[in-house]
Protein backbone atom coordinates (compact mmCIF):
# COMPACT_ATOMS: atom_id res chain seq x y z
CA MET A 1 -12.11 -0.87 -7.26
CA ASN A 2 -8.87 0.10 -9.00
CA VAL A 3 -7.62 3.68 -8.51
CA LYS A 4 -5.32 5.26 -11.11
CA ARG A 5 -2.61 7.57 -9.74
CA SER A 6 0.05 9.64 -11.47
CA LEU A 7 3.61 9.46 -10.22
CA VAL A 8 5.59 12.65 -9.64
CA LEU A 9 9.34 12.62 -10.31
CA GLU A 10 11.49 15.18 -8.50
CA VAL A 11 15.22 15.65 -9.11
CA ASN A 12 17.62 17.84 -7.16
CA ARG A 13 19.36 19.15 -10.32
CA TYR A 14 18.66 19.08 -14.04
CA GLU A 15 22.33 19.69 -14.90
CA VAL A 16 25.04 17.76 -13.09
CA PRO A 17 28.75 17.10 -13.70
CA VAL A 18 29.67 13.58 -14.80
CA GLY A 19 30.27 11.32 -11.79
CA GLU A 20 28.08 13.27 -9.35
CA PRO A 21 24.79 11.69 -8.27
CA VAL A 22 21.36 12.97 -9.18
CA VAL A 23 19.02 12.64 -6.20
CA VAL A 24 15.57 11.45 -7.27
CA ARG A 25 12.31 11.31 -5.32
CA VAL A 26 9.12 9.60 -6.49
CA THR A 27 5.79 10.59 -4.97
CA SER A 28 2.08 10.33 -5.67
CA GLY A 29 -0.43 12.61 -4.01
CA ASN A 30 2.42 14.12 -1.93
CA ARG A 31 3.19 10.68 -0.48
CA PRO A 32 6.51 8.88 -1.06
CA ILE A 33 6.41 5.79 -3.25
CA GLU A 34 8.53 2.93 -1.91
CA GLY A 35 9.83 0.37 -4.39
CA ALA A 36 9.33 2.45 -7.53
CA ILE A 37 11.75 1.53 -10.30
CA VAL A 38 13.84 4.43 -11.56
CA GLU A 39 15.57 3.81 -14.89
CA ALA A 40 18.06 5.85 -16.88
CA GLY A 41 19.83 4.15 -19.75
CA SER A 42 21.01 0.77 -18.47
CA LYS A 43 20.86 1.89 -14.83
CA ARG A 44 17.99 0.65 -12.69
CA VAL A 45 17.41 1.39 -8.99
CA ARG A 46 14.50 1.19 -6.54
CA THR A 47 13.30 3.91 -4.24
CA ASP A 48 13.52 3.54 -0.47
CA ALA A 49 10.69 4.01 2.06
CA GLY A 50 10.94 7.78 1.65
CA GLY A 51 10.69 7.54 -2.14
CA TRP A 52 14.38 8.50 -2.57
CA CYS A 53 17.19 7.06 -4.70
CA GLU A 54 20.35 8.24 -6.47
CA VAL A 55 21.53 7.79 -10.05
CA THR A 56 25.10 8.55 -11.15
CA PHE A 57 26.04 9.04 -14.80
CA HIS A 58 29.57 8.38 -16.05
CA SER A 59 29.33 9.99 -19.48
CA PRO A 60 28.09 13.41 -20.61
CA GLY A 61 24.85 13.91 -22.47
CA PHE A 62 21.11 14.05 -21.99
CA TRP A 63 19.57 11.22 -19.98
CA LYS A 64 15.90 10.34 -19.72
CA ILE A 65 14.95 9.27 -16.21
CA ILE A 66 11.79 7.16 -16.00
CA ALA A 67 9.94 6.21 -12.81
CA ALA A 68 7.38 3.40 -12.72
CA LYS A 69 5.62 1.39 -10.03
CA SER A 70 4.01 -2.01 -10.38
CA PRO A 71 0.24 -2.01 -9.83
CA THR A 72 -1.22 -3.26 -6.57
CA ASP A 73 -4.62 -4.88 -6.00
CA THR A 74 -6.18 -1.43 -5.55
CA THR A 75 -3.90 1.06 -7.34
CA THR A 76 -2.42 1.49 -10.81
CA TYR A 77 0.40 4.01 -11.28
CA LYS A 78 1.07 6.06 -14.42
CA PRO A 79 4.83 6.22 -15.21
CA VAL A 80 6.58 9.59 -15.41
CA SER A 81 9.85 10.83 -16.95
CA THR A 82 12.17 13.83 -17.07
CA LEU A 83 15.44 14.79 -18.77
CA VAL A 84 18.73 15.42 -17.00
CA ARG A 85 21.89 16.75 -18.63
CA THR A 86 25.31 15.56 -17.50
CA LEU A 87 28.17 17.91 -18.24
CA PRO A 88 31.79 16.90 -18.83
CA ARG A 89 34.18 17.73 -16.04
CA THR A 90 36.77 20.31 -16.96
CA SER A 91 40.27 18.88 -17.04
CA THR A 92 41.80 21.99 -15.55
CA ARG A 93 40.28 23.98 -12.78
CA ARG A 94 40.52 27.73 -12.84
CA LYS A 95 42.73 29.17 -10.19
CA ALA A 96 41.35 32.07 -8.26
CA ARG A 97 43.11 35.28 -9.13
CA PRO A 98 44.60 37.00 -6.12
CA THR A 99 43.02 40.34 -5.47
CA ASP A 100 45.14 43.32 -4.68
CA PRO A 101 43.37 45.32 -1.97
CA LEU A 102 45.33 48.43 -3.00
CA ARG A 103 44.08 48.32 -6.60
CA LEU A 104 40.47 49.15 -7.22
């Protein structure tokens, strides 16, 4: 008997600065999926035993993250996807303005 299960794709952030990782978790029925393939553009990684992996983007834009798992003898998994936006890093950081405790 072959059971069909849907994968669930969780990300820690949907907007992230370029160069910072997006943490991804793949589950099915609230259970982690080990060995799922997570793809985004030309990047491809596998999830660990806890269903976790990281993807880092080096250019700004919208990225489609897709998670898939090869079928087993008893289970077939339905792939899932989500969109993540990477934002350009600002070239100059704003300096905090000193506050004058005497001026209100």
